[in-house]
C-alpha atoms as a PDB file:
ATOM      1  CA  MET A   1       2.949   4.514   3.895  1.00  0.00           C
ATOM      2  CA  SER A   2       0.011   4.806   1.526  1.00  0.00           C
ATOM      3  CA  ARG A   3       2.303   4.771  -1.510  1.00  0.00           C
ATOM      4  CA  PHE A   4       4.155   1.741  -0.210  1.00  0.00           C
ATOM      5  CA  ILE A   5       0.858  -0.116   0.209  1.00  0.00           C
ATOM      6  CA  ALA A   6       0.013   0.695  -3.418  1.00  0.00           C
ATOM      7  CA  VAL A   7       3.468  -0.501  -4.524  1.00  0.00           C
ATOM      8  CA  THR A   8       2.856  -3.893  -2.909  1.00  0.00           C
ATOM      9  CA  PHE A   9       0.228  -4.516  -5.607  1.00  0.00           C
ATOM     10  CA  LEU A  10       3.027  -4.480  -8.186  1.00  0.00           C
ATOM     11  CA  PHE A  11       4.841  -7.196  -6.248  1.00  0.00           C
ATOM     12  CA  ILE A  12       1.960  -9.482  -5.264  1.00  0.00           C
ATOM     13  CA  HIS A  13      -0.873  -9.124  -7.769  1.00  0.00           C
ATOM     14  CA  ASP A  14      -1.155  -9.531 -11.534  1.00  0.00           C
ATOM     15  CA  TYR A  15      -1.926  -6.778 -13.976  1.00  0.00           C
ATOM     16  CA  ALA A  16      -5.584  -6.886 -15.040  1.00  0.00           C
ATOM     17  CA  ARG A  17      -5.090  -6.744 -18.804  1.00  0.00           C
ATOM     18  CA  PRO A  18      -3.072  -9.046 -21.020  1.00  0.00           C
ATOM     19  CA  LYS A  19       0.375  -7.602 -21.734  1.00  0.00           C
ATOM     20  CA  ASN A  20      -0.045  -7.677 -25.511  1.00  0.00           C
ATOM     21  CA  ASP A  21      -3.349  -5.772 -25.163  1.00  0.00           C
ATOM     22  CA  SER A  22      -2.108  -3.175 -22.687  1.00  0.00           C
ATOM     23  CA  LYS A  23      -0.955   0.362 -23.433  1.00  0.00           C
ATOM     24  CA  SER A  24       1.424   0.204 -20.468  1.00  0.00           C
ATOM     25  CA  LYS A  25       3.385  -2.956 -21.185  1.00  0.00           C
ATOM     26  CA  SER A  26       6.519  -1.878 -19.347  1.00  0.00           C
ATOM     27  CA  VAL A  27       4.642  -0.925 -16.177  1.00  0.00           C
ATOM     28  CA  ALA A  28       2.739  -4.196 -16.028  1.00  0.00           C
ATOM     29  CA  GLN A  29       5.772  -6.196 -14.884  1.00  0.00           C
ATOM     30  CA  ARG A  30       6.345  -7.718 -11.479  1.00  0.00           C
ATOM     31  CA  LEU A  31       8.290  -5.574  -9.076  1.00  0.00           C
ATOM     32  CA  ARG A  32      11.711  -6.874  -8.092  1.00  0.00           C
ATOM     33  CA  PRO A  33      12.285  -7.644  -4.396  1.00  0.00           C
ATOM     34  CA  ASN A  34      15.054  -5.041  -4.048  1.00  0.00           C
ATOM     35  CA  ALA A  35      12.710  -2.328  -5.374  1.00  0.00           C
ATOM     36  CA  LEU A  36      10.064  -3.394  -2.852  1.00  0.00           C
ATOM     37  CA  LEU A  37      12.609  -3.248  -0.026  1.00  0.00           C
ATOM     38  CA  THR A  38      13.722   0.213  -1.137  1.00  0.00           C
ATOM     39  CA  SER A  39      10.118   1.372  -1.091  1.00  0.00           C
ATOM     40  CA  LEU A  40       9.655  -0.162   2.362  1.00  0.00           C
ATOM     41  CA  PHE A  41      12.746   1.663   3.605  1.00  0.00           C
ATOM     42  CA  PHE A  42      11.417   5.034   2.461  1.00  0.00           C
ATOM     43  CA  ALA A  43       7.999   4.269   3.944  1.00  0.00           C
ATOM     44  CA  LEU A  44       9.220   3.169   7.374  1.00  0.00           C
ATOM     45  CA  THR A  45      12.079   5.627   7.891  1.00  0.00           C
ATOM     46  CA  PRO A  46       9.912   8.706   8.629  1.00  0.00           C
ATOM     47  CA  LEU A  47       7.585   6.615  10.791  1.00  0.00           C
ATOM     48  CA  SER A  48      10.517   5.148  12.714  1.00  0.00           C
ATOM     49  CA  ILE A  49      12.067   8.561  13.306  1.00  0.00           C
ATOM     50  CA  TYR A  50       8.746   9.902  14.543  1.00  0.00           C
ATOM     51  CA  VAL A  51       8.219   6.938  16.884  1.00  0.00           C
ATOM     52  CA  TYR A  52      11.778   7.239  18.190  1.00  0.00           C
ATOM     53  CA  CYS A  53      11.456  10.973  18.877  1.00  0.00           C
ATOM     54  CA  THR A  54       8.018  10.847  20.502  1.00  0.00           C
ATOM     55  CA  ASN A  55       8.111   7.414  22.177  1.00  0.00           C
ATOM     56  CA  GLU A  56       4.595   6.809  20.862  1.00  0.00           C
ATOM     57  CA  TYR A  57       4.999   3.188  19.808  1.00  0.00           C
ATOM     58  CA  TRP A  58       1.328   2.723  19.040  1.00  0.00           C
ATOM     59  CA  HIS A  59       1.980   4.355  15.656  1.00  0.00           C
ATOM     60  CA  LEU A  60       3.589   1.069  14.631  1.00  0.00           C
ATOM     61  CA  LEU A  61       0.110  -0.519  14.622  1.00  0.00           C
ATOM     62  CA  ILE A  62      -1.060   1.692  11.767  1.00  0.00           C
ATOM     63  CA  PRO A  63       0.921  -0.094   8.974  1.00  0.00           C
ATOM     64  CA  LEU A  64      -0.654  -3.406  10.041  1.00  0.00           C
ATOM     65  CA  PHE A  65      -4.077  -1.811   9.790  1.00  0.00           C
ATOM     66  CA  LEU A  66      -3.227  -0.419   6.338  1.00  0.00           C
ATOM     67  CA  TYR A  67      -2.072  -3.815   5.133  1.00  0.00           C
ATOM     68  CA  GLY A  68      -5.433  -5.207   6.201  1.00  0.00           C
ATOM     69  CA  VAL A  69      -7.123  -2.543   4.071  1.00  0.00           C
ATOM     70  CA  LYS A  70      -4.816  -3.551   1.188  1.00  0.00           C
ATOM     71  CA  ILE A  71      -5.858  -7.203   1.498  1.00  0.00           C
ATOM     72  CA  ILE A  72      -9.526  -6.226   1.285  1.00  0.00           C
ATOM     73  CA  LEU A  73      -8.896  -3.956  -1.718  1.00  0.00           C
ATOM     74  CA  GLY A  74      -6.778  -6.614  -3.432  1.00  0.00           C
ATOM     75  CA  SER A  75      -9.474  -9.264  -3.109  1.00  0.00           C
ATOM     76  CA  TYR A  76     -12.070  -6.806  -4.395  1.00  0.00           C
ATOM     77  CA  PHE A  77      -9.949  -5.841  -7.408  1.00  0.00           C
ATOM     78  CA  ASN A  78      -9.178  -9.489  -8.171  1.00  0.00           C
ATOM     79  CA  LYS A  79     -12.865 -10.352  -7.998  1.00  0.00           C
ATOM     80  CA  CYS A  80     -13.978  -7.465 -10.211  1.00  0.00           C
ATOM     81  CA  ILE A  81     -11.205  -7.057 -12.795  1.00  0.00           C
ATOM     82  CA  ASN A  82      -8.802  -9.958 -12.143  1.00  0.00           C
ATOM     83  CA  GLY A  83      -5.899  -7.794 -10.995  1.00  0.00           C
ATOM     84  CA  TYR A  84      -4.804  -4.186 -10.773  1.00  0.00           C
ATOM     85  CA  THR A  85      -4.572  -1.237 -13.138  1.00  0.00           C
ATOM     86  CA  GLY A  86      -3.058   2.203 -12.724  1.00  0.00           C
ATOM     87  CA  ASP A  87      -6.429   3.525 -11.588  1.00  0.00           C
ATOM     88  CA  THR A  88      -6.709   0.903  -8.868  1.00  0.00           C
ATOM     89  CA  LEU A  89      -3.193   1.749  -7.675  1.00  0.00           C
ATOM     90  CA  GLY A  90      -4.187   5.398  -7.378  1.00  0.00           C
ATOM     91  CA  ALA A  91      -7.415   4.472  -5.610  1.00  0.00           C
ATOM     92  CA  THR A  92      -5.476   2.238  -3.225  1.00  0.00           C
ATOM     93  CA  GLN A  93      -3.094   5.073  -2.401  1.00  0.00           C
ATOM     94  CA  GLN A  94      -5.925   7.502  -1.715  1.00  0.00           C
ATOM     95  CA  ILE A  95      -7.995   5.025   0.313  1.00  0.00           C
ATOM     96  CA  THR A  96      -5.066   3.933   2.464  1.00  0.00           C
ATOM     97  CA  GLU A  97      -4.112   7.588   3.022  1.00  0.00           C
ATOM     98  CA  VAL A  98      -7.582   8.260   4.424  1.00  0.00           C
ATOM     99  CA  PHE A  99      -7.461   5.087   6.518  1.00  0.00           C
ATOM    100  CA  TYR A 100      -4.034   6.106   7.836  1.00  0.00           C
ATOM    101  CA  PHE A 101      -5.495   9.307   9.254  1.00  0.00           C
ATOM    102  CA  VAL A 102      -8.646   7.568  10.512  1.00  0.00           C
ATOM    103  CA  GLY A 103      -6.567   4.815  12.128  1.00  0.00           C
ATOM    104  CA  THR A 104      -4.286   7.381  13.737  1.00  0.00           C
ATOM    105  CA  LEU A 105      -7.270   9.249  15.167  1.00  0.00           C
ATOM    106  CA  VAL A 106      -8.899   6.081  16.473  1.00  0.00           C
ATOM    107  CA  VAL A 107      -5.737   4.779  18.107  1.00  0.00           C
ATOM    108  CA  TRP A 108      -4.871   8.216  19.502  1.00  0.00           C
ATOM    109  CA  LYS A 109      -8.352   8.569  21.006  1.00  0.00           C
ATOM    110  CA  PHE A 110      -8.395   5.171  22.717  1.00  0.00           C
ATOM    111  CA  ILE A 111      -4.753   4.648  23.709  1.00  0.00           C
END
């Protein structure tokens, strides 16, 4: 899930540096919708199998929580550097991974 959240930056946000100034010109392109859907499939399949096997449907709330974290990070990155870079994608992945575990613990404790 955390990697999928980072991939959504490639689909929604702009790269922070101009393409002619960037060292990673090929990476700084918008993600195609079919690539985003493929990433979503690989993110939700393990979660869906887990929810199906355990009947713990509250786990489906966690991706909504992570997307909220992504919105906050995206607005922060847009405010500070006008987009994303490879470092911000890595930071997004790590931050949402931590929030996934924190969200799971919070929901598990109170539900």
